[in-house]
Amino acid sequence: MHELGIVFHIIKGVEKTAEENGLTKVASVTVELGEVSSVIPHYLTDCWRWAADKNDLTREAELLIEEIPAVTYCENCEKTYGTVEYGKICPHCGSEKTWLLQGNQVMIKEIEGC
């Protein structure tokens, strides 16, 4: 389960930001989670609860997840489309010259201090 490793990485980022901003307690952390990031949201929240409660800074802090839809860009027709629905082949022109524009990220968006 790589979600635990991701949680440890998030907590390190929160600790660094808290130190830079003089925070001693965090109420919540909002994470942007891409639709095709391969991270399972309920595993992430379970791992968060376990790990966050072992840290004075994040104890009882809530993990909020904002799902970011996967969007693919087509180089041929310069249009975007839903990656999960259509995959690699552009539904507009049939081209395979496409790349993922968004949807695979796991990023801290916001940290709410107490």
PDB file of N, CA and C in Angstrom:
ATOM      1  N   MET A   1       0.857  -1.180   0.000  1.00  0.00           N
ATOM      2  CA  MET A   1       0.000   0.000   0.000  1.00  0.00           C
ATOM      3  C   MET A   1       0.898   1.236   0.000  1.00  0.00           C
ATOM      4  N   HIS A   2       0.943   1.939  -1.100  1.00  0.00           N
ATOM      5  CA  HIS A   2       1.793   3.132  -1.195  1.00  0.00           C
ATOM      6  C   HIS A   2       1.137   4.364  -0.583  1.00  0.00           C
ATOM      7  N   GLU A   3      -0.117   4.256  -0.197  1.00  0.00           N
ATOM      8  CA  GLU A   3      -0.800   5.393   0.430  1.00  0.00           C
ATOM      9  C   GLU A   3      -0.128   5.815   1.737  1.00  0.00           C
ATOM     10  N   LEU A   4       0.404   4.867   2.487  1.00  0.00           N
ATOM     11  CA  LEU A   4       1.080   5.216   3.739  1.00  0.00           C
ATOM     12  C   LEU A   4       2.330   6.058   3.460  1.00  0.00           C
ATOM     13  N   GLY A   5       3.091   5.693   2.455  1.00  0.00           N
ATOM     14  CA  GLY A   5       4.260   6.487   2.071  1.00  0.00           C
ATOM     15  C   GLY A   5       3.863   7.889   1.633  1.00  0.00           C
ATOM     16  N   ILE A   6       2.754   7.996   0.922  1.00  0.00           N
ATOM     17  CA  ILE A   6       2.260   9.302   0.491  1.00  0.00           C
ATOM     18  C   ILE A   6       1.864  10.135   1.702  1.00  0.00           C
ATOM     19  N   VAL A   7       1.217   9.507   2.676  1.00  0.00           N
ATOM     20  CA  VAL A   7       0.826  10.217   3.898  1.00  0.00           C
ATOM     21  C   VAL A   7       2.054  10.729   4.643  1.00  0.00           C
ATOM     22  N   PHE A   8       3.089   9.903   4.742  1.00  0.00           N
ATOM     23  CA  PHE A   8       4.316  10.363   5.407  1.00  0.00           C
ATOM     24  C   PHE A   8       4.906  11.565   4.675  1.00  0.00           C
ATOM     25  N   HIS A   9       4.860  11.546   3.357  1.00  0.00           N
ATOM     26  CA  HIS A   9       5.353  12.667   2.551  1.00  0.00           C
ATOM     27  C   HIS A   9       4.499  13.927   2.791  1.00  0.00           C
ATOM     28  N   ILE A  10       3.191  13.760   2.856  1.00  0.00           N
ATOM     29  CA  ILE A  10       2.288  14.892   3.128  1.00  0.00           C
ATOM     30  C   ILE A  10       2.603  15.483   4.504  1.00  0.00           C
ATOM     31  N   ILE A  11       2.762  14.633   5.494  1.00  0.00           N
ATOM     32  CA  ILE A  11       3.043  15.108   6.854  1.00  0.00           C
ATOM     33  C   ILE A  11       4.370  15.870   6.891  1.00  0.00           C
ATOM     34  N   LYS A  12       5.376  15.380   6.180  1.00  0.00           N
ATOM     35  CA  LYS A  12       6.651  16.114   6.132  1.00  0.00           C
ATOM     36  C   LYS A  12       6.461  17.493   5.505  1.00  0.00           C
ATOM     37  N   GLY A  13       5.657  17.572   4.460  1.00  0.00           N
ATOM     38  CA  GLY A  13       5.367  18.860   3.835  1.00  0.00           C
ATOM     39  C   GLY A  13       4.624  19.793   4.776  1.00  0.00           C
ATOM     40  N   VAL A  14       3.685  19.232   5.530  1.00  0.00           N
ATOM     41  CA  VAL A  14       2.926  20.020   6.516  1.00  0.00           C
ATOM     42  C   VAL A  14       3.869  20.513   7.613  1.00  0.00           C
ATOM     43  N   GLU A  15       4.764  19.645   8.089  1.00  0.00           N
ATOM     44  CA  GLU A  15       5.721  20.046   9.128  1.00  0.00           C
ATOM     45  C   GLU A  15       6.607  21.189   8.646  1.00  0.00           C
ATOM     46  N   LYS A  16       7.089  21.089   7.420  1.00  0.00           N
ATOM     47  CA  LYS A  16       7.953  22.141   6.868  1.00  0.00           C
ATOM     48  C   LYS A  16       7.201  23.466   6.764  1.00  0.00           C
ATOM     49  N   THR A  17       5.981  23.408   6.242  1.00  0.00           N
ATOM     50  CA  THR A  17       5.171  24.622   6.102  1.00  0.00           C
ATOM     51  C   THR A  17       4.816  25.211   7.468  1.00  0.00           C
ATOM     52  N   ALA A  18       4.499  24.343   8.412  1.00  0.00           N
ATOM     53  CA  ALA A  18       4.171  24.803   9.765  1.00  0.00           C
ATOM     54  C   ALA A  18       5.365  25.516  10.407  1.00  0.00           C
ATOM     55  N   GLU A  19       6.540  24.944  10.231  1.00  0.00           N
ATOM     56  CA  GLU A  19       7.748  25.569  10.789  1.00  0.00           C
ATOM     57  C   GLU A  19       7.998  26.935  10.157  1.00  0.00           C
ATOM     58  N   GLU A  20       7.839  27.017   8.837  1.00  0.00           N
ATOM     59  CA  GLU A  20       8.062  28.283   8.125  1.00  0.00           C
ATOM     60  C   GLU A  20       7.058  29.358   8.516  1.00  0.00           C
ATOM     61  N   ASN A  21       5.873  28.944   8.981  1.00  0.00           N
ATOM     62  CA  ASN A  21       4.804  29.896   9.285  1.00  0.00           C
ATOM     63  C   ASN A  21       4.457  29.976  10.766  1.00  0.00           C
ATOM     64  N   GLY A  22       5.233  29.337  11.612  1.00  0.00           N
ATOM     65  CA  GLY A  22       5.028  29.417  13.048  1.00  0.00           C
ATOM     66  C   GLY A  22       3.768  28.722  13.552  1.00  0.00           C
ATOM     67  N   LEU A  23       3.331  27.696  12.863  1.00  0.00           N
ATOM     68  CA  LEU A  23       2.139  26.952  13.305  1.00  0.00           C
ATOM     69  C   LEU A  23       2.552  25.865  14.287  1.00  0.00           C
ATOM     70  N   THR A  24       1.740  25.671  15.325  1.00  0.00           N
ATOM     71  CA  THR A  24       2.013  24.603  16.276  1.00  0.00           C
ATOM     72  C   THR A  24       0.949  23.516  16.237  1.00  0.00           C
ATOM     73  N   LYS A  25      -0.148  23.797  15.547  1.00  0.00           N
ATOM     74  CA  LYS A  25      -1.252  22.835  15.443  1.00  0.00           C
ATOM     75  C   LYS A  25      -1.954  23.042  14.109  1.00  0.00           C
ATOM     76  N   VAL A  26      -2.334  21.933  13.468  1.00  0.00           N
ATOM     77  CA  VAL A  26      -3.021  21.965  12.186  1.00  0.00           C
ATOM     78  C   VAL A  26      -4.427  21.399  12.359  1.00  0.00           C
ATOM     79  N   ALA A  27      -5.418  22.108  11.811  1.00  0.00           N
ATOM     80  CA  ALA A  27      -6.812  21.658  11.897  1.00  0.00           C
ATOM     81  C   ALA A  27      -7.182  20.760  10.726  1.00  0.00           C
ATOM     82  N   SER A  28      -6.681  21.109   9.535  1.00  0.00           N
ATOM     83  CA  SER A  28      -6.993  20.289   8.364  1.00  0.00           C
ATOM     84  C   SER A  28      -5.939  20.471   7.283  1.00  0.00           C
ATOM     85  N   VAL A  29      -5.872  19.459   6.430  1.00  0.00           N
ATOM     86  CA  VAL A  29      -4.992  19.498   5.270  1.00  0.00           C
ATOM     87  C   VAL A  29      -5.849  19.105   4.075  1.00  0.00           C
ATOM     88  N   THR A  30      -5.851  19.950   3.046  1.00  0.00           N
ATOM     89  CA  THR A  30      -6.589  19.659   1.825  1.00  0.00           C
ATOM     90  C   THR A  30      -5.601  19.189   0.773  1.00  0.00           C
ATOM     91  N   VAL A  31      -5.911  18.046   0.175  1.00  0.00           N
ATOM     92  CA  VAL A  31      -5.047  17.434  -0.828  1.00  0.00           C
ATOM     93  C   VAL A  31      -5.808  17.328  -2.138  1.00  0.00           C
ATOM     94  N   GLU A  32      -5.152  17.700  -3.234  1.00  0.00           N
ATOM     95  CA  GLU A  32      -5.700  17.475  -4.567  1.00  0.00           C
ATOM     96  C   GLU A  32      -5.250  16.089  -5.012  1.00  0.00           C
ATOM     97  N   LEU A  33      -6.219  15.253  -5.349  1.00  0.00           N
ATOM     98  CA  LEU A  33      -5.939  13.870  -5.713  1.00  0.00           C
ATOM     99  C   LEU A  33      -6.450  13.615  -7.123  1.00  0.00           C
ATOM    100  N   GLY A  34      -5.530  13.364  -8.031  1.00  0.00           N
ATOM    101  CA  GLY A  34      -5.891  13.130  -9.416  1.00  0.00           C
ATOM    102  C   GLY A  34      -6.676  11.840  -9.608  1.00  0.00           C
ATOM    103  N   GLU A  35      -7.597  11.886 -10.530  1.00  0.00           N
ATOM    104  CA  GLU A  35      -8.479  10.759 -10.818  1.00  0.00           C
ATOM    105  C   GLU A  35      -7.710   9.498 -11.242  1.00  0.00           C
ATOM    106  N   VAL A  36      -6.571   9.679 -11.903  1.00  0.00           N
ATOM    107  CA  VAL A  36      -5.770   8.532 -12.338  1.00  0.00           C
ATOM    108  C   VAL A  36      -4.421   8.487 -11.602  1.00  0.00           C
ATOM    109  N   SER A  37      -4.395   8.946 -10.374  1.00  0.00           N
ATOM    110  CA  SER A  37      -3.164   8.994  -9.584  1.00  0.00           C
ATOM    111  C   SER A  37      -2.777   7.630  -9.016  1.00  0.00           C
ATOM    112  N   SER A  38      -3.652   6.664  -9.084  1.00  0.00           N
ATOM    113  CA  SER A  38      -3.495   5.320  -8.526  1.00  0.00           C
ATOM    114  C   SER A  38      -3.538   5.311  -6.996  1.00  0.00           C
ATOM    115  N   VAL A  39      -4.017   6.389  -6.400  1.00  0.00           N
ATOM    116  CA  VAL A  39      -4.180   6.469  -4.957  1.00  0.00           C
ATOM    117  C   VAL A  39      -5.655   6.231  -4.644  1.00  0.00           C
ATOM    118  N   ILE A  40      -5.903   5.332  -3.709  1.00  0.00           N
ATOM    119  CA  ILE A  40      -7.281   5.018  -3.312  1.00  0.00           C
ATOM    120  C   ILE A  40      -7.654   5.927  -2.139  1.00  0.00           C
ATOM    121  N   PRO A  41      -8.657   6.807  -2.351  1.00  0.00           N
ATOM    122  CA  PRO A  41      -8.978   7.819  -1.330  1.00  0.00           C
ATOM    123  C   PRO A  41      -9.232   7.266   0.072  1.00  0.00           C
ATOM    124  N   HIS A  42     -10.010   6.197   0.212  1.00  0.00           N
ATOM    125  CA  HIS A  42     -10.290   5.732   1.579  1.00  0.00           C
ATOM    126  C   HIS A  42      -9.069   5.081   2.219  1.00  0.00           C
ATOM    127  N   TYR A  43      -8.149   4.516   1.438  1.00  0.00           N
ATOM    128  CA  TYR A  43      -6.886   4.033   1.995  1.00  0.00           C
ATOM    129  C   TYR A  43      -6.059   5.217   2.481  1.00  0.00           C
ATOM    130  N   LEU A  44      -6.067   6.283   1.689  1.00  0.00           N
ATOM    131  CA  LEU A  44      -5.312   7.478   2.057  1.00  0.00           C
ATOM    132  C   LEU A  44      -5.827   8.068   3.369  1.00  0.00           C
ATOM    133  N   THR A  45      -7.140   8.166   3.510  1.00  0.00           N
ATOM    134  CA  THR A  45      -7.697   8.732   4.755  1.00  0.00           C
ATOM    135  C   THR A  45      -7.454   7.806   5.949  1.00  0.00           C
ATOM    136  N   ASP A  46      -7.512   6.494   5.729  1.00  0.00           N
ATOM    137  CA  ASP A  46      -7.211   5.559   6.825  1.00  0.00           C
ATOM    138  C   ASP A  46      -5.757   5.695   7.273  1.00  0.00           C
ATOM    139  N   CYS A  47      -4.848   5.759   6.307  1.00  0.00           N
ATOM    140  CA  CYS A  47      -3.424   5.925   6.628  1.00  0.00           C
ATOM    141  C   CYS A  47      -3.173   7.275   7.300  1.00  0.00           C
ATOM    142  N   TRP A  48      -3.871   8.306   6.818  1.00  0.00           N
ATOM    143  CA  TRP A  48      -3.739   9.636   7.416  1.00  0.00           C
ATOM    144  C   TRP A  48      -4.102   9.597   8.892  1.00  0.00           C
ATOM    145  N   ARG A  49      -5.243   9.022   9.193  1.00  0.00           N
ATOM    146  CA  ARG A  49      -5.705   9.015  10.581  1.00  0.00           C
ATOM    147  C   ARG A  49      -4.685   8.323  11.469  1.00  0.00           C
ATOM    148  N   TRP A  50      -4.167   7.182  11.014  1.00  0.00           N
ATOM    149  CA  TRP A  50      -3.200   6.427  11.801  1.00  0.00           C
ATOM    150  C   TRP A  50      -1.924   7.245  12.017  1.00  0.00           C
ATOM    151  N   ALA A  51      -1.371   7.801  10.945  1.00  0.00           N
ATOM    152  CA  ALA A  51      -0.089   8.516  11.028  1.00  0.00           C
ATOM    153  C   ALA A  51      -0.230   9.897  11.660  1.00  0.00           C
ATOM    154  N   ALA A  52      -1.275  10.622  11.305  1.00  0.00           N
ATOM    155  CA  ALA A  52      -1.445  11.990  11.806  1.00  0.00           C
ATOM    156  C   ALA A  52      -1.622  12.020  13.316  1.00  0.00           C
ATOM    157  N   ASP A  53      -2.280  11.017  13.866  1.00  0.00           N
ATOM    158  CA  ASP A  53      -2.517  10.998  15.309  1.00  0.00           C
ATOM    159  C   ASP A  53      -1.263  10.655  16.112  1.00  0.00           C
ATOM    160  N   LYS A  54      -0.200  10.283  15.456  1.00  0.00           N
ATOM    161  CA  LYS A  54       1.067  10.012  16.134  1.00  0.00           C
ATOM    162  C   LYS A  54       1.984  11.248  16.154  1.00  0.00           C
ATOM    163  N   ASN A  55       1.480  12.353  15.618  1.00  0.00           N
ATOM    164  CA  ASN A  55       2.272  13.573  15.483  1.00  0.00           C
ATOM    165  C   ASN A  55       1.530  14.707  16.187  1.00  0.00           C
ATOM    166  N   ASP A  56       2.189  15.413  17.099  1.00  0.00           N
ATOM    167  CA  ASP A  56       1.529  16.492  17.843  1.00  0.00           C
ATOM    168  C   ASP A  56       0.961  17.572  16.926  1.00  0.00           C
ATOM    169  N   LEU A  57       1.657  17.887  15.857  1.00  0.00           N
ATOM    170  CA  LEU A  57       1.223  18.937  14.940  1.00  0.00           C
ATOM    171  C   LEU A  57      -0.075  18.568  14.221  1.00  0.00           C
ATOM    172  N   THR A  58      -0.218  17.325  13.808  1.00  0.00           N
ATOM    173  CA  THR A  58      -1.358  16.902  12.980  1.00  0.00           C
ATOM    174  C   THR A  58      -2.405  16.074  13.725  1.00  0.00           C
ATOM    175  N   ARG A  59      -2.156  15.826  15.013  1.00  0.00           N
ATOM    176  CA  ARG A  59      -3.115  15.011  15.781  1.00  0.00           C
ATOM    177  C   ARG A  59      -4.517  15.614  15.679  1.00  0.00           C
ATOM    178  N   GLU A  60      -5.469  14.778  15.311  1.00  0.00           N
ATOM    179  CA  GLU A  60      -6.891  15.140  15.140  1.00  0.00           C
ATOM    180  C   GLU A  60      -7.160  16.018  13.925  1.00  0.00           C
ATOM    181  N   ALA A  61      -6.148  16.313  13.124  1.00  0.00           N
ATOM    182  CA  ALA A  61      -6.361  17.118  11.911  1.00  0.00           C
ATOM    183  C   ALA A  61      -7.121  16.282  10.885  1.00  0.00           C
ATOM    184  N   GLU A  62      -7.990  16.946  10.165  1.00  0.00           N
ATOM    185  CA  GLU A  62      -8.796  16.287   9.145  1.00  0.00           C
ATOM    186  C   GLU A  62      -8.065  16.329   7.803  1.00  0.00           C
ATOM    187  N   LEU A  63      -8.154  15.242   7.053  1.00  0.00           N
ATOM    188  CA  LEU A  63      -7.625  15.212   5.694  1.00  0.00           C
ATOM    189  C   LEU A  63      -8.804  15.378   4.741  1.00  0.00           C
ATOM    190  N   LEU A  64      -8.762  16.443   3.965  1.00  0.00           N
ATOM    191  CA  LEU A  64      -9.816  16.717   2.987  1.00  0.00           C
ATOM    192  C   LEU A  64      -9.251  16.416   1.601  1.00  0.00           C
ATOM    193  N   ILE A  65     -10.020  15.693   0.803  1.00  0.00           N
ATOM    194  CA  ILE A  65      -9.557  15.297  -0.528  1.00  0.00           C
ATOM    195  C   ILE A  65     -10.426  15.945  -1.588  1.00  0.00           C
ATOM    196  N   GLU A  66      -9.775  16.634  -2.521  1.00  0.00           N
ATOM    197  CA  GLU A  66     -10.454  17.198  -3.686  1.00  0.00           C
ATOM    198  C   GLU A  66     -10.004  16.393  -4.896  1.00  0.00           C
ATOM    199  N   GLU A  67     -10.948  15.698  -5.534  1.00  0.00           N
ATOM    200  CA  GLU A  67     -10.587  14.893  -6.698  1.00  0.00           C
ATOM    201  C   GLU A  67     -10.465  15.786  -7.930  1.00  0.00           C
ATOM    202  N   ILE A  68      -9.353  15.622  -8.626  1.00  0.00           N
ATOM    203  CA  ILE A  68      -9.079  16.378  -9.850  1.00  0.00           C
ATOM    204  C   ILE A  68      -9.336  15.436 -11.026  1.00  0.00           C
ATOM    205  N   PRO A  69     -10.258  15.803 -11.924  1.00  0.00           N
ATOM    206  CA  PRO A  69     -10.553  14.911 -13.051  1.00  0.00           C
ATOM    207  C   PRO A  69      -9.355  14.782 -13.992  1.00  0.00           C
ATOM    208  N   ALA A  70      -9.231  13.600 -14.578  1.00  0.00           N
ATOM    209  CA  ALA A  70      -8.166  13.365 -15.554  1.00  0.00           C
ATOM    210  C   ALA A  70      -8.603  13.934 -16.898  1.00  0.00           C
ATOM    211  N   VAL A  71      -7.750  14.775 -17.473  1.00  0.00           N
ATOM    212  CA  VAL A  71      -8.024  15.421 -18.759  1.00  0.00           C
ATOM    213  C   VAL A  71      -6.822  15.197 -19.665  1.00  0.00           C
ATOM    214  N   THR A  72      -7.106  14.792 -20.900  1.00  0.00           N
ATOM    215  CA  THR A  72      -6.055  14.560 -21.889  1.00  0.00           C
ATOM    216  C   THR A  72      -6.148  15.606 -22.991  1.00  0.00           C
ATOM    217  N   TYR A  73      -4.987  16.001 -23.485  1.00  0.00           N
ATOM    218  CA  TYR A  73      -4.878  16.998 -24.557  1.00  0.00           C
ATOM    219  C   TYR A  73      -4.444  16.301 -25.844  1.00  0.00           C
ATOM    220  N   CYS A  74      -5.068  16.656 -26.953  1.00  0.00           N
ATOM    221  CA  CYS A  74      -4.726  16.104 -28.262  1.00  0.00           C
ATOM    222  C   CYS A  74      -3.896  17.128 -29.039  1.00  0.00           C
ATOM    223  N   GLU A  75      -2.711  16.715 -29.466  1.00  0.00           N
ATOM    224  CA  GLU A  75      -1.837  17.609 -30.235  1.00  0.00           C
ATOM    225  C   GLU A  75      -2.374  17.864 -31.642  1.00  0.00           C
ATOM    226  N   ASN A  76      -3.100  16.905 -32.206  1.00  0.00           N
ATOM    227  CA  ASN A  76      -3.609  17.074 -33.577  1.00  0.00           C
ATOM    228  C   ASN A  76      -4.721  18.110 -33.659  1.00  0.00           C
ATOM    229  N   CYS A  77      -5.774  17.927 -32.887  1.00  0.00           N
ATOM    230  CA  CYS A  77      -6.923  18.841 -32.995  1.00  0.00           C
ATOM    231  C   CYS A  77      -6.931  19.911 -31.911  1.00  0.00           C
ATOM    232  N   GLU A  78      -5.971  19.837 -30.966  1.00  0.00           N
ATOM    233  CA  GLU A  78      -5.815  20.806 -29.884  1.00  0.00           C
ATOM    234  C   GLU A  78      -7.043  20.898 -28.970  1.00  0.00           C
ATOM    235  N   LYS A  79      -7.742  19.780 -28.816  1.00  0.00           N
ATOM    236  CA  LYS A  79      -8.896  19.726 -27.919  1.00  0.00           C
ATOM    237  C   LYS A  79      -8.545  18.866 -26.706  1.00  0.00           C
ATOM    238  N   THR A  80      -9.333  19.019 -25.654  1.00  0.00           N
ATOM    239  CA  THR A  80      -9.177  18.200 -24.465  1.00  0.00           C
ATOM    240  C   THR A  80     -10.395  17.298 -24.317  1.00  0.00           C
ATOM    241  N   TYR A  81     -10.200  16.230 -23.545  1.00  0.00           N
ATOM    242  CA  TYR A  81     -11.303  15.288 -23.308  1.00  0.00           C
ATOM    243  C   TYR A  81     -11.042  14.509 -22.024  1.00  0.00           C
ATOM    244  N   GLY A  82     -12.078  13.860 -21.532  1.00  0.00           N
ATOM    245  CA  GLY A  82     -11.967  13.063 -20.316  1.00  0.00           C
ATOM    246  C   GLY A  82     -11.151  11.801 -20.546  1.00  0.00           C
ATOM    247  N   THR A  83     -10.066  11.680 -19.818  1.00  0.00           N
ATOM    248  CA  THR A  83      -9.136  10.566 -19.989  1.00  0.00           C
ATOM    249  C   THR A  83      -9.769   9.226 -19.645  1.00  0.00           C
ATOM    250  N   VAL A  84     -10.467   9.156 -18.533  1.00  0.00           N
ATOM    251  CA  VAL A  84     -11.039   7.891 -18.088  1.00  0.00           C
ATOM    252  C   VAL A  84     -12.081   7.391 -19.086  1.00  0.00           C
ATOM    253  N   GLU A  85     -12.845   8.285 -19.625  1.00  0.00           N
ATOM    254  CA  GLU A  85     -13.905   7.915 -20.558  1.00  0.00           C
ATOM    255  C   GLU A  85     -13.368   7.438 -21.902  1.00  0.00           C
ATOM    256  N   TYR A  86     -12.308   8.085 -22.400  1.00  0.00           N
ATOM    257  CA  TYR A  86     -11.847   7.804 -23.760  1.00  0.00           C
ATOM    258  C   TYR A  86     -10.449   7.201 -23.871  1.00  0.00           C
ATOM    259  N   GLY A  87      -9.656   7.254 -22.832  1.00  0.00           N
ATOM    260  CA  GLY A  87      -8.312   6.689 -22.895  1.00  0.00           C
ATOM    261  C   GLY A  87      -7.344   7.531 -23.710  1.00  0.00           C
ATOM    262  N   LYS A  88      -6.437   6.871 -24.397  1.00  0.00           N
ATOM    263  CA  LYS A  88      -5.361   7.565 -25.116  1.00  0.00           C
ATOM    264  C   LYS A  88      -5.796   8.107 -26.477  1.00  0.00           C
ATOM    265  N   ILE A  89      -6.801   7.513 -27.089  1.00  0.00           N
ATOM    266  CA  ILE A  89      -7.212   7.920 -28.435  1.00  0.00           C
ATOM    267  C   ILE A  89      -8.246   9.044 -28.368  1.00  0.00           C
ATOM    268  N   CYS A  90      -7.941  10.143 -29.047  1.00  0.00           N
ATOM    269  CA  CYS A  90      -8.797  11.333 -29.033  1.00  0.00           C
ATOM    270  C   CYS A  90     -10.170  11.007 -29.642  1.00  0.00           C
ATOM    271  N   PRO A  91     -11.248  11.306 -28.917  1.00  0.00           N
ATOM    272  CA  PRO A  91     -12.586  11.048 -29.440  1.00  0.00           C
ATOM    273  C   PRO A  91     -13.010  12.050 -30.514  1.00  0.00           C
ATOM    274  N   HIS A  92     -12.282  13.152 -30.625  1.00  0.00           N
ATOM    275  CA  HIS A  92     -12.627  14.187 -31.598  1.00  0.00           C
ATOM    276  C   HIS A  92     -12.055  13.896 -32.983  1.00  0.00           C
ATOM    277  N   CYS A  93     -10.792  13.412 -33.012  1.00  0.00           N
ATOM    278  CA  CYS A  93     -10.145  13.226 -34.322  1.00  0.00           C
ATOM    279  C   CYS A  93      -9.528  11.845 -34.516  1.00  0.00           C
ATOM    280  N   GLY A  94      -9.512  11.021 -33.458  1.00  0.00           N
ATOM    281  CA  GLY A  94      -8.957   9.677 -33.566  1.00  0.00           C
ATOM    282  C   GLY A  94      -7.444   9.595 -33.435  1.00  0.00           C
ATOM    283  N   SER A  95      -6.792  10.683 -33.131  1.00  0.00           N
ATOM    284  CA  SER A  95      -5.338  10.714 -33.011  1.00  0.00           C
ATOM    285  C   SER A  95      -4.861  10.032 -31.732  1.00  0.00           C
ATOM    286  N   GLU A  96      -3.642   9.478 -31.819  1.00  0.00           N
ATOM    287  CA  GLU A  96      -2.977   8.934 -30.629  1.00  0.00           C
ATOM    288  C   GLU A  96      -1.900   9.890 -30.115  1.00  0.00           C
ATOM    289  N   LYS A  97      -1.784  11.055 -30.734  1.00  0.00           N
ATOM    290  CA  LYS A  97      -0.807  12.066 -30.293  1.00  0.00           C
ATOM    291  C   LYS A  97      -1.430  12.873 -29.156  1.00  0.00           C
ATOM    292  N   THR A  98      -1.539  12.230 -28.015  1.00  0.00           N
ATOM    293  CA  THR A  98      -2.204  12.833 -26.859  1.00  0.00           C
ATOM    294  C   THR A  98      -1.297  12.721 -25.644  1.00  0.00           C
ATOM    295  N   TRP A  99      -1.556  13.558 -24.666  1.00  0.00           N
ATOM    296  CA  TRP A  99      -0.843  13.477 -23.401  1.00  0.00           C
ATOM    297  C   TRP A  99      -1.742  13.949 -22.267  1.00  0.00           C
ATOM    298  N   LEU A 100      -1.462  13.408 -21.096  1.00  0.00           N
ATOM    299  CA  LEU A 100      -2.252  13.713 -19.906  1.00  0.00           C
ATOM    300  C   LEU A 100      -1.968  15.138 -19.454  1.00  0.00           C
ATOM    301  N   LEU A 101      -3.001  15.932 -19.396  1.00  0.00           N
ATOM    302  CA  LEU A 101      -2.888  17.330 -18.998  1.00  0.00           C
ATOM    303  C   LEU A 101      -2.969  17.473 -17.482  1.00  0.00           C
ATOM    304  N   GLN A 102      -3.890  16.753 -16.887  1.00  0.00           N
ATOM    305  CA  GLN A 102      -4.048  16.770 -15.421  1.00  0.00           C
ATOM    306  C   GLN A 102      -4.736  15.494 -14.995  1.00  0.00           C
ATOM    307  N   GLY A 103      -4.601  15.188 -13.711  1.00  0.00           N
ATOM    308  CA  GLY A 103      -5.329  14.057 -13.162  1.00  0.00           C
ATOM    309  C   GLY A 103      -4.479  12.974 -12.545  1.00  0.00           C
ATOM    310  N   ASN A 104      -3.154  13.125 -12.571  1.00  0.00           N
ATOM    311  CA  ASN A 104      -2.315  12.121 -11.917  1.00  0.00           C
ATOM    312  C   ASN A 104      -1.581  12.682 -10.691  1.00  0.00           C
ATOM    313  N   GLN A 105      -1.927  13.882 -10.283  1.00  0.00           N
ATOM    314  CA  GLN A 105      -1.209  14.537  -9.195  1.00  0.00           C
ATOM    315  C   GLN A 105      -1.764  14.170  -7.809  1.00  0.00           C
ATOM    316  N   VAL A 106      -0.871  14.284  -6.836  1.00  0.00           N
ATOM    317  CA  VAL A 106      -1.214  14.242  -5.415  1.00  0.00           C
ATOM    318  C   VAL A 106      -0.464  15.424  -4.821  1.00  0.00           C
ATOM    319  N   MET A 107      -1.209  16.479  -4.466  1.00  0.00           N
ATOM    320  CA  MET A 107      -0.567  17.717  -4.018  1.00  0.00           C
ATOM    321  C   MET A 107      -1.289  18.300  -2.811  1.00  0.00           C
ATOM    322  N   ILE A 108      -0.513  18.861  -1.905  1.00  0.00           N
ATOM    323  CA  ILE A 108      -1.111  19.620  -0.812  1.00  0.00           C
ATOM    324  C   ILE A 108      -1.618  20.922  -1.392  1.00  0.00           C
ATOM    325  N   LYS A 109      -2.891  21.187  -1.198  1.00  0.00           N
ATOM    326  CA  LYS A 109      -3.484  22.431  -1.686  1.00  0.00           C
ATOM    327  C   LYS A 109      -3.558  23.477  -0.580  1.00  0.00           C
ATOM    328  N   GLU A 110      -3.922  23.032   0.620  1.00  0.00           N
ATOM    329  CA  GLU A 110      -4.150  23.991   1.701  1.00  0.00           C
ATOM    330  C   GLU A 110      -3.901  23.346   3.046  1.00  0.00           C
ATOM    331  N   ILE A 111      -3.353  24.122   3.944  1.00  0.00           N
ATOM    332  CA  ILE A 111      -3.154  23.701   5.328  1.00  0.00           C
ATOM    333  C   ILE A 111      -3.828  24.722   6.212  1.00  0.00           C
ATOM    334  N   GLU A 112      -4.757  24.260   7.025  1.00  0.00           N
ATOM    335  CA  GLU A 112      -5.468  25.157   7.942  1.00  0.00           C
ATOM    336  C   GLU A 112      -4.900  24.997   9.341  1.00  0.00           C
ATOM    337  N   GLY A 113      -4.344  26.080   9.862  1.00  0.00           N
ATOM    338  CA  GLY A 113      -3.790  26.057  11.202  1.00  0.00           C
ATOM    339  C   GLY A 113      -4.848  26.373  12.253  1.00  0.00           C
ATOM    340  N   CYS A 114      -4.529  26.031  13.484  1.00  0.00           N
ATOM    341  CA  CYS A 114      -5.430  26.347  14.604  1.00  0.00           C
ATOM    342  C   CYS A 114      -4.991  27.647  15.260  1.00  0.00           C
TER     343      CYS A 114
END
